[in-house]
Structure formats: structure tokens, C-alpha cells
């Protein structure tokens, strides 16, 4: 008698757990839409280190303490780097490092906005760009800034407002120079 009661209790417990497991539905599109409507990222990565490769060759490295992935946005998917970013690009013999306190990258347009204490270093040319905001078009490999900047080269330092350049700082256009 006691064994049949125990078997019945176990059967009811197993049946209840099975019903609960199958009653839940995780439609990924519904989850994505919910996160997008609440302006929540679809993913968060801490201390991220990403290596980009092309034909087996490393082209760049990205390091960040915090990454928010908003790729669930239909019109403008993006990634946010609220605690700063460091990117090292390798193009041929040149190595360029880009750092900033905050960044947004838009995947559809391949345009990134880097904000706050932005520093670009071309290690081969020994040139350094400092500004507070920089737009980087990764397709055309071009930098644009409308903010004040300081460009330091081997024997010259240029101060100004508004700057355009190739992303290795080799060819640049200073819109308004100061001093």
C-alpha cells in the first residue's frame, strides 16, 4: 500500500515537471522583439577580445571591458562600448591603434563613432591624432571629426577644428587650423 502511494506521488511529480517543461515556449523572435522594445541589448560581453581575420591573416584586434550587442534592432543594429574601446589595425607593414572612452559601431553602414579622449596612433609613421569625437568609415577607411584636434607628426604639431584623414593618418585635411 505504501509503495503504491509513493509510486503515485512520483508519477504525479514527473508528470507535473514534464507538463511545465513543455508548456514553456521560447520563440527567439519574440524574445528579440521584447528586448528591443525595452531597449535592452540582446547580449553583453565583459572583457571582450575579438580578432578579425581575412584569408587567415589577422587584420585587426578589438579589446573592450564591456560590449552591449543591440543587433536585434531592425533598422539600425549596433554595438555599444560604454566603458571604452581599443582597436589595433594591421595593414601591410603599418599598425594603427585607436582608443576612446565610448564607442558605437553600426553594422549596416560600417560606421563607428568614438567619443571621449580619442587617440589614434600610427606606429610606423610615428603620428598621433587626439580629439574628443571621431567618426570612422570602415568601408572607405576614412576618419572624420568636426571637433578640436591635435595632430602630432615627427617634426610638426597641428591644432585645429575639423579633420579628415585616411585611417592610417598618412593623408589628412585640416579644415580650420589654429595657432
C-alpha atoms as a PDB file:
ATOM      1  CA  UNK A   1       0.000   0.000   0.000  1.00  0.00           C
ATOM      2  CA  UNK A   2       2.726   2.454   0.966  1.00  0.00           C
ATOM      3  CA  UNK A   3       4.730   1.582  -2.149  1.00  0.00           C
ATOM      4  CA  UNK A   4       1.783   2.220  -4.448  1.00  0.00           C
ATOM      5  CA  UNK A   5       1.250   5.651  -2.806  1.00  0.00           C
ATOM      6  CA  UNK A   6       4.942   6.507  -3.289  1.00  0.00           C
ATOM      7  CA  UNK A   7       4.790   5.385  -6.931  1.00  0.00           C
ATOM      8  CA  UNK A   8       1.681   7.511  -7.476  1.00  0.00           C
ATOM      9  CA  UNK A   9       3.337  10.555  -5.865  1.00  0.00           C
ATOM     10  CA  UNK A  10       6.464  10.127  -8.014  1.00  0.00           C
ATOM     11  CA  UNK A  11       4.363   9.706 -11.148  1.00  0.00           C
ATOM     12  CA  UNK A  12       2.425  12.878 -10.384  1.00  0.00           C
ATOM     13  CA  UNK A  13       5.692  14.776  -9.732  1.00  0.00           C
ATOM     14  CA  UNK A  14       7.239  13.567 -13.020  1.00  0.00           C
ATOM     15  CA  UNK A  15       4.054  14.364 -14.931  1.00  0.00           C
ATOM     16  CA  UNK A  16       3.883  17.882 -13.399  1.00  0.00           C
ATOM     17  CA  UNK A  17       7.533  18.627 -14.275  1.00  0.00           C
ATOM     18  CA  UNK A  18       7.028  17.322 -17.830  1.00  0.00           C
ATOM     19  CA  UNK A  19       3.935  19.497 -18.319  1.00  0.00           C
ATOM     20  CA  UNK A  20       5.803  22.568 -17.005  1.00  0.00           C
ATOM     21  CA  UNK A  21       8.759  21.980 -19.320  1.00  0.00           C
ATOM     22  CA  UNK A  22       6.634  21.557 -22.420  1.00  0.00           C
ATOM     23  CA  UNK A  23       4.285  24.423 -21.601  1.00  0.00           C
ATOM     24  CA  UNK A  24       7.118  26.981 -21.922  1.00  0.00           C
ATOM     25  CA  UNK A  25       7.801  28.249 -25.400  1.00  0.00           C
ATOM     26  CA  UNK A  26      10.909  30.205 -26.315  1.00  0.00           C
ATOM     27  CA  UNK A  27      10.268  31.789 -29.658  1.00  0.00           C
ATOM     28  CA  UNK A  28      13.566  33.582 -30.311  1.00  0.00           C
ATOM     29  CA  UNK A  29      11.915  36.281 -32.396  1.00  0.00           C
ATOM     30  CA  UNK A  30       9.521  37.094 -29.537  1.00  0.00           C
ATOM     31  CA  UNK A  31      12.462  37.347 -27.134  1.00  0.00           C
ATOM     32  CA  UNK A  32      14.366  39.626 -29.550  1.00  0.00           C
ATOM     33  CA  UNK A  33      11.311  41.859 -30.048  1.00  0.00           C
ATOM     34  CA  UNK A  34      10.764  42.070 -26.278  1.00  0.00           C
ATOM     35  CA  UNK A  35      14.400  43.066 -25.674  1.00  0.00           C
ATOM     36  CA  UNK A  36      14.257  45.641 -28.492  1.00  0.00           C
ATOM     37  CA  UNK A  37      11.032  47.169 -27.158  1.00  0.00           C
ATOM     38  CA  UNK A  38      12.614  47.566 -23.707  1.00  0.00           C
ATOM     39  CA  UNK A  39      15.827  48.979 -25.244  1.00  0.00           C
ATOM     40  CA  UNK A  40      17.829  46.088 -23.810  1.00  0.00           C
ATOM     41  CA  UNK A  41      20.842  44.515 -25.502  1.00  0.00           C
ATOM     42  CA  UNK A  42      20.497  41.032 -26.905  1.00  0.00           C
ATOM     43  CA  UNK A  43      23.889  40.181 -25.439  1.00  0.00           C
ATOM     44  CA  UNK A  44      26.509  41.549 -23.065  1.00  0.00           C
ATOM     45  CA  UNK A  45      30.196  40.631 -23.060  1.00  0.00           C
ATOM     46  CA  UNK A  46      32.718  41.563 -20.398  1.00  0.00           C
ATOM     47  CA  UNK A  47      36.445  41.859 -21.124  1.00  0.00           C
ATOM     48  CA  UNK A  48      35.866  41.051 -24.796  1.00  0.00           C
ATOM     49  CA  UNK A  49      38.808  40.366 -27.094  1.00  0.00           C
ATOM     50  CA  UNK A  50      37.900  39.876 -30.753  1.00  0.00           C
ATOM     51  CA  UNK A  51      40.322  39.028 -33.546  1.00  0.00           C
ATOM     52  CA  UNK A  52      39.338  39.821 -37.152  1.00  0.00           C
ATOM     53  CA  UNK A  53      40.903  37.711 -39.886  1.00  0.00           C
ATOM     54  CA  UNK A  54      40.951  37.905 -43.675  1.00  0.00           C
ATOM     55  CA  UNK A  55      42.240  34.902 -45.619  1.00  0.00           C
ATOM     56  CA  UNK A  56      43.828  33.503 -42.470  1.00  0.00           C
ATOM     57  CA  UNK A  57      45.741  36.722 -41.742  1.00  0.00           C
ATOM     58  CA  UNK A  58      44.922  38.828 -38.673  1.00  0.00           C
ATOM     59  CA  UNK A  59      43.713  42.249 -39.825  1.00  0.00           C
ATOM     60  CA  UNK A  60      42.666  43.783 -36.510  1.00  0.00           C
ATOM     61  CA  UNK A  61      42.064  43.197 -32.824  1.00  0.00           C
ATOM     62  CA  UNK A  62      39.338  44.743 -30.697  1.00  0.00           C
ATOM     63  CA  UNK A  63      39.513  44.921 -26.899  1.00  0.00           C
ATOM     64  CA  UNK A  64      36.867  46.307 -24.571  1.00  0.00           C
ATOM     65  CA  UNK A  65      35.893  45.894 -20.925  1.00  0.00           C
ATOM     66  CA  UNK A  66      32.173  45.889 -21.806  1.00  0.00           C
ATOM     67  CA  UNK A  67      30.229  45.262 -25.032  1.00  0.00           C
ATOM     68  CA  UNK A  68      26.453  45.640 -25.461  1.00  0.00           C
ATOM     69  CA  UNK A  69      25.070  43.920 -28.563  1.00  0.00           C
ATOM     70  CA  UNK A  70      21.996  45.647 -29.994  1.00  0.00           C
ATOM     71  CA  UNK A  71      21.948  43.631 -33.230  1.00  0.00           C
ATOM     72  CA  UNK A  72      18.246  42.930 -32.580  1.00  0.00           C
ATOM     73  CA  UNK A  73      17.362  46.391 -33.904  1.00  0.00           C
ATOM     74  CA  UNK A  74      15.682  46.068 -37.289  1.00  0.00           C
ATOM     75  CA  UNK A  75      16.576  49.433 -38.807  1.00  0.00           C
ATOM     76  CA  UNK A  76      19.887  50.321 -37.152  1.00  0.00           C
ATOM     77  CA  UNK A  77      21.595  47.379 -35.434  1.00  0.00           C
ATOM     78  CA  UNK A  78      24.644  48.443 -33.458  1.00  0.00           C
ATOM     79  CA  UNK A  79      27.181  47.543 -30.788  1.00  0.00           C
ATOM     80  CA  UNK A  80      27.873  49.820 -27.836  1.00  0.00           C
ATOM     81  CA  UNK A  81      31.147  50.014 -25.927  1.00  0.00           C
ATOM     82  CA  UNK A  82      30.216  52.091 -22.837  1.00  0.00           C
ATOM     83  CA  UNK A  83      33.491  51.574 -20.944  1.00  0.00           C
ATOM     84  CA  UNK A  84      35.886  52.290 -23.788  1.00  0.00           C
ATOM     85  CA  UNK A  85      37.464  50.540 -26.730  1.00  0.00           C
ATOM     86  CA  UNK A  86      40.887  49.748 -28.143  1.00  0.00           C
ATOM     87  CA  UNK A  87      41.340  48.664 -31.756  1.00  0.00           C
ATOM     88  CA  UNK A  88      44.636  47.645 -33.338  1.00  0.00           C
ATOM     89  CA  UNK A  89      44.615  47.520 -37.159  1.00  0.00           C
ATOM     90  CA  UNK A  90      47.272  45.747 -39.179  1.00  0.00           C
ATOM     91  CA  UNK A  91      47.519  46.913 -42.792  1.00  0.00           C
ATOM     92  CA  UNK A  92      50.642  45.665 -44.526  1.00  0.00           C
ATOM     93  CA  UNK A  93      53.584  46.998 -42.544  1.00  0.00           C
ATOM     94  CA  UNK A  94      51.526  49.659 -40.757  1.00  0.00           C
ATOM     95  CA  UNK A  95      49.996  49.230 -37.332  1.00  0.00           C
ATOM     96  CA  UNK A  96      47.386  51.729 -36.140  1.00  0.00           C
ATOM     97  CA  UNK A  97      45.886  51.816 -32.636  1.00  0.00           C
ATOM     98  CA  UNK A  98      42.583  53.574 -31.915  1.00  0.00           C
ATOM     99  CA  UNK A  99      41.373  54.168 -28.352  1.00  0.00           C
ATOM    100  CA  UNK A 100      38.407  56.023 -26.868  1.00  0.00           C
ATOM    101  CA  UNK A 101      36.254  56.221 -23.752  1.00  0.00           C
ATOM    102  CA  UNK A 102      32.985  55.275 -25.519  1.00  0.00           C
ATOM    103  CA  UNK A 103      32.056  53.907 -28.937  1.00  0.00           C
ATOM    104  CA  UNK A 104      29.142  52.892 -31.132  1.00  0.00           C
ATOM    105  CA  UNK A 105      29.510  50.743 -34.251  1.00  0.00           C
ATOM    106  CA  UNK A 106      26.679  50.435 -36.759  1.00  0.00           C
ATOM    107  CA  UNK A 107      26.836  47.136 -38.613  1.00  0.00           C
ATOM    108  CA  UNK A 108      24.685  48.099 -41.630  1.00  0.00           C
ATOM    109  CA  UNK A 109      26.762  51.150 -42.533  1.00  0.00           C
ATOM    110  CA  UNK A 110      30.137  50.030 -41.090  1.00  0.00           C
ATOM    111  CA  UNK A 111      30.486  53.445 -39.466  1.00  0.00           C
ATOM    112  CA  UNK A 112      31.796  53.798 -35.920  1.00  0.00           C
ATOM    113  CA  UNK A 113      31.597  56.802 -33.618  1.00  0.00           C
ATOM    114  CA  UNK A 114      34.299  57.008 -30.964  1.00  0.00           C
ATOM    115  CA  UNK A 115      33.848  59.587 -28.199  1.00  0.00           C
ATOM    116  CA  UNK A 116      35.943  60.906 -25.334  1.00  0.00           C
ATOM    117  CA  UNK A 117      39.726  61.102 -25.233  1.00  0.00           C
ATOM    118  CA  UNK A 118      40.079  59.605 -28.722  1.00  0.00           C
ATOM    119  CA  UNK A 119      43.672  58.795 -29.652  1.00  0.00           C
ATOM    120  CA  UNK A 120      44.839  57.357 -32.967  1.00  0.00           C
ATOM    121  CA  UNK A 121      48.462  56.223 -33.232  1.00  0.00           C
ATOM    122  CA  UNK A 122      50.226  55.223 -36.433  1.00  0.00           C
ATOM    123  CA  UNK A 123      53.209  53.315 -35.061  1.00  0.00           C
ATOM    124  CA  UNK A 124      55.069  53.191 -38.384  1.00  0.00           C
ATOM    125  CA  UNK A 125      54.738  56.892 -39.264  1.00  0.00           C
ATOM    126  CA  UNK A 126      55.061  57.981 -35.608  1.00  0.00           C
ATOM    127  CA  UNK A 127      51.957  60.168 -35.929  1.00  0.00           C
ATOM    128  CA  UNK A 128      49.303  60.769 -33.273  1.00  0.00           C
ATOM    129  CA  UNK A 129      45.802  62.247 -33.523  1.00  0.00           C
ATOM    130  CA  UNK A 130      43.941  63.444 -30.415  1.00  0.00           C
ATOM    131  CA  UNK A 131      40.307  64.598 -30.428  1.00  0.00           C
ATOM    132  CA  UNK A 132      37.063  64.248 -28.469  1.00  0.00           C
ATOM    133  CA  UNK A 133      34.954  62.673 -31.220  1.00  0.00           C
ATOM    134  CA  UNK A 134      35.831  60.692 -34.310  1.00  0.00           C
ATOM    135  CA  UNK A 135      33.716  59.038 -36.988  1.00  0.00           C
ATOM    136  CA  UNK A 136      35.366  56.098 -38.746  1.00  0.00           C
ATOM    137  CA  UNK A 137      34.029  54.715 -42.019  1.00  0.00           C
ATOM    138  CA  UNK A 138      35.449  51.209 -42.099  1.00  0.00           C
ATOM    139  CA  UNK A 139      34.442  50.611 -45.752  1.00  0.00           C
ATOM    140  CA  UNK A 140      36.297  53.639 -47.124  1.00  0.00           C
ATOM    141  CA  UNK A 141      38.937  53.521 -44.336  1.00  0.00           C
ATOM    142  CA  UNK A 142      38.426  57.186 -43.530  1.00  0.00           C
ATOM    143  CA  UNK A 143      38.292  59.316 -40.349  1.00  0.00           C
ATOM    144  CA  UNK A 144      36.162  62.449 -39.923  1.00  0.00           C
ATOM    145  CA  UNK A 145      35.934  64.785 -36.929  1.00  0.00           C
ATOM    146  CA  UNK A 146      34.257  68.155 -36.536  1.00  0.00           C
ATOM    147  CA  UNK A 147      35.744  68.676 -33.066  1.00  0.00           C
ATOM    148  CA  UNK A 148      39.015  70.277 -31.978  1.00  0.00           C
ATOM    149  CA  UNK A 149      42.044  68.100 -32.703  1.00  0.00           C
ATOM    150  CA  UNK A 150      45.791  67.842 -32.263  1.00  0.00           C
ATOM    151  CA  UNK A 151      47.860  66.015 -34.892  1.00  0.00           C
ATOM    152  CA  UNK A 152      51.463  65.305 -33.961  1.00  0.00           C
ATOM    153  CA  UNK A 153      53.958  64.096 -36.558  1.00  0.00           C
ATOM    154  CA  UNK A 154      57.754  63.685 -36.467  1.00  0.00           C
ATOM    155  CA  UNK A 155      58.630  67.379 -36.621  1.00  0.00           C
ATOM    156  CA  UNK A 156      55.252  69.109 -36.637  1.00  0.00           C
ATOM    157  CA  UNK A 157      52.167  69.593 -34.478  1.00  0.00           C
ATOM    158  CA  UNK A 158      48.907  70.844 -35.988  1.00  0.00           C
ATOM    159  CA  UNK A 159      45.997  72.176 -33.917  1.00  0.00           C
ATOM    160  CA  UNK A 160      42.601  72.780 -35.439  1.00  0.00           C
ATOM    161  CA  UNK A 161      38.881  72.201 -35.639  1.00  0.00           C
ATOM    162  CA  UNK A 162      37.559  69.723 -38.178  1.00  0.00           C
ATOM    163  CA  UNK A 163      39.684  66.926 -39.553  1.00  0.00           C
ATOM    164  CA  UNK A 164      39.554  64.311 -42.314  1.00  0.00           C
ATOM    165  CA  UNK A 165      42.086  61.597 -42.930  1.00  0.00           C
ATOM    166  CA  UNK A 166      42.783  58.108 -44.188  1.00  0.00           C
ATOM    167  CA  UNK A 167      42.527  55.723 -41.252  1.00  0.00           C
ATOM    168  CA  UNK A 168      46.318  55.375 -41.093  1.00  0.00           C
ATOM    169  CA  UNK A 169      46.777  59.198 -40.786  1.00  0.00           C
ATOM    170  CA  UNK A 170      49.015  59.308 -43.905  1.00  0.00           C
ATOM    171  CA  UNK A 171      46.887  61.766 -45.885  1.00  0.00           C
ATOM    172  CA  UNK A 172      44.896  64.337 -43.946  1.00  0.00           C
ATOM    173  CA  UNK A 173      42.897  67.523 -44.374  1.00  0.00           C
ATOM    174  CA  UNK A 174      42.684  70.048 -41.527  1.00  0.00           C
ATOM    175  CA  UNK A 175      39.543  72.159 -42.026  1.00  0.00           C
ATOM    176  CA  UNK A 176      40.465  75.021 -39.715  1.00  0.00           C
ATOM    177  CA  UNK A 177      43.904  75.293 -38.203  1.00  0.00           C
ATOM    178  CA  UNK A 178      44.578  77.234 -35.028  1.00  0.00           C
ATOM    179  CA  UNK A 179      47.859  78.797 -33.859  1.00  0.00           C
END
